[in-house]
Amino acid sequence: MTAAVLTTLPQKITCSTVEIKVNFIKPVSAESKLIRCEARIIHIGRKLANVEGRIKGGNDELYAHGVSTCLIFKVG
């Protein structure tokens, strides 16, 4: 989820996770085969960003979902 926020920020601006909440729906195993992670930005402000994410299997079954808050700050 933090990576999704990072892709929207200009150079010399970064972010760090300050809060994360994840709900695990079912376990990932060798039989799960292909899984994918999706993230969608809910809101980006001057100092904080909110984002949600999902981990899904090949037939769109949900393995986990969560929300995160990221602190946005300048580096260097």
PDB file of N, CA and C in Angstrom:
ATOM      1  N   MET A   1       0.814  -1.180   0.000  1.00  0.00           N
ATOM      2  CA  MET A   1       0.000   0.000   0.000  1.00  0.00           C
ATOM      3  C   MET A   1       0.866   1.255   0.000  1.00  0.00           C
ATOM      4  N   THR A   2       1.942   1.241   0.779  1.00  0.00           N
ATOM      5  CA  THR A   2       2.846   2.388   0.794  1.00  0.00           C
ATOM      6  C   THR A   2       3.456   2.608  -0.587  1.00  0.00           C
ATOM      7  N   ALA A   3       3.747   1.543  -1.296  1.00  0.00           N
ATOM      8  CA  ALA A   3       4.313   1.669  -2.644  1.00  0.00           C
ATOM      9  C   ALA A   3       3.354   2.408  -3.574  1.00  0.00           C
ATOM     10  N   ALA A   4       2.066   2.201  -3.413  1.00  0.00           N
ATOM     11  CA  ALA A   4       1.084   2.915  -4.241  1.00  0.00           C
ATOM     12  C   ALA A   4       1.161   4.415  -3.996  1.00  0.00           C
ATOM     13  N   VAL A   5       1.335   4.811  -2.745  1.00  0.00           N
ATOM     14  CA  VAL A   5       1.457   6.229  -2.413  1.00  0.00           C
ATOM     15  C   VAL A   5       2.766   6.782  -2.989  1.00  0.00           C
ATOM     16  N   LEU A   6       3.855   6.035  -2.843  1.00  0.00           N
ATOM     17  CA  LEU A   6       5.156   6.489  -3.343  1.00  0.00           C
ATOM     18  C   LEU A   6       5.125   6.794  -4.839  1.00  0.00           C
ATOM     19  N   THR A   7       4.346   6.040  -5.603  1.00  0.00           N
ATOM     20  CA  THR A   7       4.304   6.263  -7.048  1.00  0.00           C
ATOM     21  C   THR A   7       3.654   7.597  -7.418  1.00  0.00           C
ATOM     22  N   THR A   8       2.966   8.233  -6.491  1.00  0.00           N
ATOM     23  CA  THR A   8       2.289   9.501  -6.789  1.00  0.00           C
ATOM     24  C   THR A   8       3.078  10.718  -6.328  1.00  0.00           C
ATOM     25  N   LEU A   9       4.149  10.511  -5.583  1.00  0.00           N
ATOM     26  CA  LEU A   9       4.878  11.625  -4.979  1.00  0.00           C
ATOM     27  C   LEU A   9       6.020  12.116  -5.870  1.00  0.00           C
ATOM     28  N   PRO A  10       6.293  13.428  -5.851  1.00  0.00           N
ATOM     29  CA  PRO A  10       7.411  13.961  -6.637  1.00  0.00           C
ATOM     30  C   PRO A  10       8.761  13.581  -6.017  1.00  0.00           C
ATOM     31  N   GLN A  11       9.843  13.842  -6.747  1.00  0.00           N
ATOM     32  CA  GLN A  11      11.185  13.561  -6.236  1.00  0.00           C
ATOM     33  C   GLN A  11      11.424  14.332  -4.943  1.00  0.00           C
ATOM     34  N   LYS A  12      12.214  13.733  -4.068  1.00  0.00           N
ATOM     35  CA  LYS A  12      12.598  14.289  -2.770  1.00  0.00           C
ATOM     36  C   LYS A  12      11.439  14.382  -1.789  1.00  0.00           C
ATOM     37  N   ILE A  13      10.307  13.771  -2.122  1.00  0.00           N
ATOM     38  CA  ILE A  13       9.193  13.624  -1.196  1.00  0.00           C
ATOM     39  C   ILE A  13       8.972  12.123  -1.054  1.00  0.00           C
ATOM     40  N   THR A  14       8.838  11.643   0.186  1.00  0.00           N
ATOM     41  CA  THR A  14       8.641  10.223   0.417  1.00  0.00           C
ATOM     42  C   THR A  14       7.547  10.034   1.458  1.00  0.00           C
ATOM     43  N   CYS A  15       7.324   8.789   1.838  1.00  0.00           N
ATOM     44  CA  CYS A  15       6.324   8.521   2.867  1.00  0.00           C
ATOM     45  C   CYS A  15       6.727   7.293   3.668  1.00  0.00           C
ATOM     46  N   SER A  16       6.105   7.180   4.825  1.00  0.00           N
ATOM     47  CA  SER A  16       6.343   6.055   5.718  1.00  0.00           C
ATOM     48  C   SER A  16       5.016   5.641   6.338  1.00  0.00           C
ATOM     49  N   THR A  17       4.812   4.364   6.528  1.00  0.00           N
ATOM     50  CA  THR A  17       3.583   3.867   7.130  1.00  0.00           C
ATOM     51  C   THR A  17       3.537   4.245   8.609  1.00  0.00           C
ATOM     52  N   VAL A  18       2.444   4.866   9.028  1.00  0.00           N
ATOM     53  CA  VAL A  18       2.262   5.198  10.444  1.00  0.00           C
ATOM     54  C   VAL A  18       1.172   4.349  11.084  1.00  0.00           C
ATOM     55  N   GLU A  19       0.308   3.769  10.252  1.00  0.00           N
ATOM     56  CA  GLU A  19      -0.757   2.900  10.773  1.00  0.00           C
ATOM     57  C   GLU A  19      -1.154   1.918   9.682  1.00  0.00           C
ATOM     58  N   ILE A  20      -1.416   0.667  10.078  1.00  0.00           N
ATOM     59  CA  ILE A  20      -1.855  -0.340   9.116  1.00  0.00           C
ATOM     60  C   ILE A  20      -2.822  -1.289   9.817  1.00  0.00           C
ATOM     61  N   LYS A  21      -3.866  -1.658   9.116  1.00  0.00           N
ATOM     62  CA  LYS A  21      -4.862  -2.606   9.623  1.00  0.00           C
ATOM     63  C   LYS A  21      -5.105  -3.611   8.514  1.00  0.00           C
ATOM     64  N   VAL A  22      -4.893  -4.899   8.807  1.00  0.00           N
ATOM     65  CA  VAL A  22      -5.058  -5.946   7.808  1.00  0.00           C
ATOM     66  C   VAL A  22      -5.992  -7.014   8.351  1.00  0.00           C
ATOM     67  N   ASN A  23      -6.934  -7.444   7.520  1.00  0.00           N
ATOM     68  CA  ASN A  23      -7.813  -8.566   7.839  1.00  0.00           C
ATOM     69  C   ASN A  23      -7.428  -9.732   6.938  1.00  0.00           C
ATOM     70  N   PHE A  24      -7.043 -10.841   7.551  1.00  0.00           N
ATOM     71  CA  PHE A  24      -6.677 -12.042   6.806  1.00  0.00           C
ATOM     72  C   PHE A  24      -7.920 -12.903   6.649  1.00  0.00           C
ATOM     73  N   ILE A  25      -8.288 -13.211   5.418  1.00  0.00           N
ATOM     74  CA  ILE A  25      -9.510 -13.946   5.124  1.00  0.00           C
ATOM     75  C   ILE A  25      -9.244 -15.449   5.035  1.00  0.00           C
ATOM     76  N   LYS A  26      -8.227 -15.819   4.281  1.00  0.00           N
ATOM     77  CA  LYS A  26      -7.869 -17.234   4.139  1.00  0.00           C
ATOM     78  C   LYS A  26      -6.372 -17.346   3.915  1.00  0.00           C
ATOM     79  N   PRO A  27      -5.775 -18.476   4.255  1.00  0.00           N
ATOM     80  CA  PRO A  27      -4.321 -18.614   4.117  1.00  0.00           C
ATOM     81  C   PRO A  27      -3.881 -18.784   2.662  1.00  0.00           C
ATOM     82  N   VAL A  28      -2.689 -18.295   2.370  1.00  0.00           N
ATOM     83  CA  VAL A  28      -2.048 -18.502   1.075  1.00  0.00           C
ATOM     84  C   VAL A  28      -1.191 -19.755   1.217  1.00  0.00           C
ATOM     85  N   SER A  29      -1.331 -20.679   0.268  1.00  0.00           N
ATOM     86  CA  SER A  29      -0.554 -21.925   0.309  1.00  0.00           C
ATOM     87  C   SER A  29       0.029 -22.205  -1.073  1.00  0.00           C
ATOM     88  N   ALA A  30       0.746 -23.305  -1.201  1.00  0.00           N
ATOM     89  CA  ALA A  30       1.328 -23.687  -2.488  1.00  0.00           C
ATOM     90  C   ALA A  30       0.236 -23.919  -3.531  1.00  0.00           C
ATOM     91  N   GLU A  31      -0.945 -24.354  -3.091  1.00  0.00           N
ATOM     92  CA  GLU A  31      -2.057 -24.580  -4.007  1.00  0.00           C
ATOM     93  C   GLU A  31      -2.692 -23.270  -4.493  1.00  0.00           C
ATOM     94  N   SER A  32      -2.376 -22.172  -3.827  1.00  0.00           N
ATOM     95  CA  SER A  32      -2.944 -20.871  -4.207  1.00  0.00           C
ATOM     96  C   SER A  32      -2.439 -20.409  -5.571  1.00  0.00           C
ATOM     97  N   LYS A  33      -1.273 -20.886  -5.972  1.00  0.00           N
ATOM     98  CA  LYS A  33      -0.634 -20.533  -7.245  1.00  0.00           C
ATOM     99  C   LYS A  33      -0.473 -19.031  -7.381  1.00  0.00           C
ATOM    100  N   LEU A  34      -1.076 -18.436  -8.392  1.00  0.00           N
ATOM    101  CA  LEU A  34      -0.881 -17.018  -8.672  1.00  0.00           C
ATOM    102  C   LEU A  34      -1.744 -16.147  -7.756  1.00  0.00           C
ATOM    103  N   ILE A  35      -1.104 -15.197  -7.080  1.00  0.00           N
ATOM    104  CA  ILE A  35      -1.839 -14.207  -6.298  1.00  0.00           C
ATOM    105  C   ILE A  35      -1.389 -12.819  -6.750  1.00  0.00           C
ATOM    106  N   ARG A  36      -2.221 -11.818  -6.517  1.00  0.00           N
ATOM    107  CA  ARG A  36      -1.854 -10.456  -6.895  1.00  0.00           C
ATOM    108  C   ARG A  36      -2.259  -9.501  -5.777  1.00  0.00           C
ATOM    109  N   CYS A  37      -1.489  -8.445  -5.674  1.00  0.00           N
ATOM    110  CA  CYS A  37      -1.762  -7.395  -4.692  1.00  0.00           C
ATOM    111  C   CYS A  37      -2.248  -6.167  -5.447  1.00  0.00           C
ATOM    112  N   GLU A  38      -3.313  -5.568  -4.942  1.00  0.00           N
ATOM    113  CA  GLU A  38      -3.870  -4.357  -5.538  1.00  0.00           C
ATOM    114  C   GLU A  38      -3.925  -3.288  -4.463  1.00  0.00           C
ATOM    115  N   ALA A  39      -3.689  -2.059  -4.840  1.00  0.00           N
ATOM    116  CA  ALA A  39      -3.805  -0.943  -3.894  1.00  0.00           C
ATOM    117  C   ALA A  39      -4.515   0.212  -4.578  1.00  0.00           C
ATOM    118  N   ARG A  40      -5.330   0.913  -3.823  1.00  0.00           N
ATOM    119  CA  ARG A  40      -6.058   2.070  -4.335  1.00  0.00           C
ATOM    120  C   ARG A  40      -5.957   3.193  -3.318  1.00  0.00           C
ATOM    121  N   ILE A  41      -5.556   4.349  -3.802  1.00  0.00           N
ATOM    122  CA  ILE A  41      -5.409   5.508  -2.920  1.00  0.00           C
ATOM    123  C   ILE A  41      -6.791   6.074  -2.625  1.00  0.00           C
ATOM    124  N   ILE A  42      -7.055   6.266  -1.349  1.00  0.00           N
ATOM    125  CA  ILE A  42      -8.319   6.852  -0.918  1.00  0.00           C
ATOM    126  C   ILE A  42      -8.210   8.369  -0.916  1.00  0.00           C
ATOM    127  N   HIS A  43      -7.112   8.885  -0.324  1.00  0.00           N
ATOM    128  CA  HIS A  43      -6.914  10.333  -0.234  1.00  0.00           C
ATOM    129  C   HIS A  43      -5.435  10.628   0.004  1.00  0.00           C
ATOM    130  N   ILE A  44      -4.930  11.665  -0.662  1.00  0.00           N
ATOM    131  CA  ILE A  44      -3.580  12.157  -0.389  1.00  0.00           C
ATOM    132  C   ILE A  44      -3.692  13.630  -0.039  1.00  0.00           C
ATOM    133  N   GLY A  45      -3.225  13.967   1.154  1.00  0.00           N
ATOM    134  CA  GLY A  45      -3.183  15.357   1.591  1.00  0.00           C
ATOM    135  C   GLY A  45      -1.755  15.866   1.621  1.00  0.00           C
ATOM    136  N   ARG A  46      -1.527  16.992   2.321  1.00  0.00           N
ATOM    137  CA  ARG A  46      -0.172  17.547   2.398  1.00  0.00           C
ATOM    138  C   ARG A  46       0.732  16.719   3.297  1.00  0.00           C
ATOM    139  N   LYS A  47       0.191  16.140   4.366  1.00  0.00           N
ATOM    140  CA  LYS A  47       1.012  15.396   5.330  1.00  0.00           C
ATOM    141  C   LYS A  47       0.642  13.919   5.460  1.00  0.00           C
ATOM    142  N   LEU A  48      -0.598  13.564   5.143  1.00  0.00           N
ATOM    143  CA  LEU A  48      -1.045  12.180   5.304  1.00  0.00           C
ATOM    144  C   LEU A  48      -1.701  11.655   4.033  1.00  0.00           C
ATOM    145  N   ALA A  49      -1.571  10.342   3.837  1.00  0.00           N
ATOM    146  CA  ALA A  49      -2.244   9.660   2.733  1.00  0.00           C
ATOM    147  C   ALA A  49      -2.950   8.434   3.295  1.00  0.00           C
ATOM    148  N   ASN A  50      -4.132   8.141   2.766  1.00  0.00           N
ATOM    149  CA  ASN A  50      -4.878   6.945   3.145  1.00  0.00           C
ATOM    150  C   ASN A  50      -5.001   6.059   1.916  1.00  0.00           C
ATOM    151  N   VAL A  51      -4.774   4.766   2.110  1.00  0.00           N
ATOM    152  CA  VAL A  51      -4.763   3.827   0.987  1.00  0.00           C
ATOM    153  C   VAL A  51      -5.369   2.507   1.443  1.00  0.00           C
ATOM    154  N   GLU A  52      -5.987   1.784   0.506  1.00  0.00           N
ATOM    155  CA  GLU A  52      -6.523   0.466   0.813  1.00  0.00           C
ATOM    156  C   GLU A  52      -5.896  -0.556  -0.121  1.00  0.00           C
ATOM    157  N   GLY A  53      -5.806  -1.794   0.343  1.00  0.00           N
ATOM    158  CA  GLY A  53      -5.193  -2.835  -0.466  1.00  0.00           C
ATOM    159  C   GLY A  53      -5.915  -4.158  -0.332  1.00  0.00           C
ATOM    160  N   ARG A  54      -5.727  -5.003  -1.328  1.00  0.00           N
ATOM    161  CA  ARG A  54      -6.320  -6.344  -1.344  1.00  0.00           C
ATOM    162  C   ARG A  54      -5.312  -7.336  -1.903  1.00  0.00           C
ATOM    163  N   ILE A  55      -5.334  -8.550  -1.397  1.00  0.00           N
ATOM    164  CA  ILE A  55      -4.576  -9.661  -1.965  1.00  0.00           C
ATOM    165  C   ILE A  55      -5.601 -10.654  -2.482  1.00  0.00           C
ATOM    166  N   LYS A  56      -5.515 -10.945  -3.793  1.00  0.00           N
ATOM    167  CA  LYS A  56      -6.504 -11.802  -4.435  1.00  0.00           C
ATOM    168  C   LYS A  56      -5.833 -12.959  -5.157  1.00  0.00           C
ATOM    169  N   GLY A  57      -6.585 -14.041  -5.311  1.00  0.00           N
ATOM    170  CA  GLY A  57      -6.125 -15.201  -6.048  1.00  0.00           C
ATOM    171  C   GLY A  57      -6.494 -15.111  -7.507  1.00  0.00           C
ATOM    172  N   GLY A  58      -6.094 -16.128  -8.276  1.00  0.00           N
ATOM    173  CA  GLY A  58      -6.325 -16.148  -9.708  1.00  0.00           C
ATOM    174  C   GLY A  58      -7.789 -16.079 -10.107  1.00  0.00           C
ATOM    175  N   ASN A  59      -8.680 -16.665  -9.329  1.00  0.00           N
ATOM    176  CA  ASN A  59     -10.102 -16.618  -9.666  1.00  0.00           C
ATOM    177  C   ASN A  59     -10.818 -15.533  -8.849  1.00  0.00           C
ATOM    178  N   ASP A  60     -10.077 -14.473  -8.504  1.00  0.00           N
ATOM    179  CA  ASP A  60     -10.595 -13.288  -7.814  1.00  0.00           C
ATOM    180  C   ASP A  60     -11.020 -13.549  -6.364  1.00  0.00           C
ATOM    181  N   GLU A  61     -10.574 -14.679  -5.771  1.00  0.00           N
ATOM    182  CA  GLU A  61     -10.914 -14.925  -4.374  1.00  0.00           C
ATOM    183  C   GLU A  61     -10.039 -14.061  -3.463  1.00  0.00           C
ATOM    184  N   LEU A  62     -10.624 -13.546  -2.422  1.00  0.00           N
ATOM    185  CA  LEU A  62      -9.957 -12.613  -1.524  1.00  0.00           C
ATOM    186  C   LEU A  62      -9.201 -13.362  -0.424  1.00  0.00           C
ATOM    187  N   TYR A  63      -7.912 -13.055  -0.274  1.00  0.00           N
ATOM    188  CA  TYR A  63      -7.082 -13.643   0.783  1.00  0.00           C
ATOM    189  C   TYR A  63      -6.906 -12.678   1.952  1.00  0.00           C
ATOM    190  N   ALA A  64      -6.798 -11.379   1.665  1.00  0.00           N
ATOM    191  CA  ALA A  64      -6.623 -10.378   2.729  1.00  0.00           C
ATOM    192  C   ALA A  64      -6.990  -8.997   2.179  1.00  0.00           C
ATOM    193  N   HIS A  65      -7.370  -8.118   3.086  1.00  0.00           N
ATOM    194  CA  HIS A  65      -7.612  -6.725   2.710  1.00  0.00           C
ATOM    195  C   HIS A  65      -7.228  -5.842   3.877  1.00  0.00           C
ATOM    196  N   GLY A  66      -6.890  -4.588   3.587  1.00  0.00           N
ATOM    197  CA  GLY A  66      -6.465  -3.703   4.658  1.00  0.00           C
ATOM    198  C   GLY A  66      -6.483  -2.244   4.258  1.00  0.00           C
ATOM    199  N   VAL A  67      -6.208  -1.408   5.245  1.00  0.00           N
ATOM    200  CA  VAL A  67      -6.086   0.032   5.037  1.00  0.00           C
ATOM    201  C   VAL A  67      -4.822   0.512   5.731  1.00  0.00           C
ATOM    202  N   SER A  68      -4.281   1.605   5.229  1.00  0.00           N
ATOM    203  CA  SER A  68      -3.045   2.134   5.787  1.00  0.00           C
ATOM    204  C   SER A  68      -3.063   3.656   5.745  1.00  0.00           C
ATOM    205  N   THR A  69      -2.354   4.262   6.709  1.00  0.00           N
ATOM    206  CA  THR A  69      -2.133   5.696   6.729  1.00  0.00           C
ATOM    207  C   THR A  69      -0.626   5.917   6.602  1.00  0.00           C
ATOM    208  N   CYS A  70      -0.236   6.811   5.696  1.00  0.00           N
ATOM    209  CA  CYS A  70       1.180   7.105   5.467  1.00  0.00           C
ATOM    210  C   CYS A  70       1.457   8.573   5.764  1.00  0.00           C
ATOM    211  N   LEU A  71       2.595   8.825   6.391  1.00  0.00           N
ATOM    212  CA  LEU A  71       3.069  10.176   6.638  1.00  0.00           C
ATOM    213  C   LEU A  71       3.909  10.607   5.448  1.00  0.00           C
ATOM    214  N   ILE A  72       3.625  11.771   4.892  1.00  0.00           N
ATOM    215  CA  ILE A  72       4.345  12.299   3.727  1.00  0.00           C
ATOM    216  C   ILE A  72       5.329  13.363   4.224  1.00  0.00           C
ATOM    217  N   PHE A  73       6.599  13.258   3.767  1.00  0.00           N
ATOM    218  CA  PHE A  73       7.612  14.210   4.216  1.00  0.00           C
ATOM    219  C   PHE A  73       8.716  14.372   3.180  1.00  0.00           C
ATOM    220  N   LYS A  74       9.456  15.464   3.305  1.00  0.00           N
ATOM    221  CA  LYS A  74      10.559  15.786   2.404  1.00  0.00           C
ATOM    222  C   LYS A  74      11.824  15.079   2.878  1.00  0.00           C
ATOM    223  N   VAL A  75      12.665  14.628   1.938  1.00  0.00           N
ATOM    224  CA  VAL A  75      13.967  14.018   2.271  1.00  0.00           C
ATOM    225  C   VAL A  75      15.079  14.882   1.721  1.00  0.00           C
ATOM    226  N   GLY A  76      16.238  14.795   2.379  1.00  0.00           N
ATOM    227  CA  GLY A  76      17.414  15.499   1.887  1.00  0.00           C
ATOM    228  C   GLY A  76      17.540  16.918   2.237  1.00  0.00           C
TER     229      GLY A  76
END
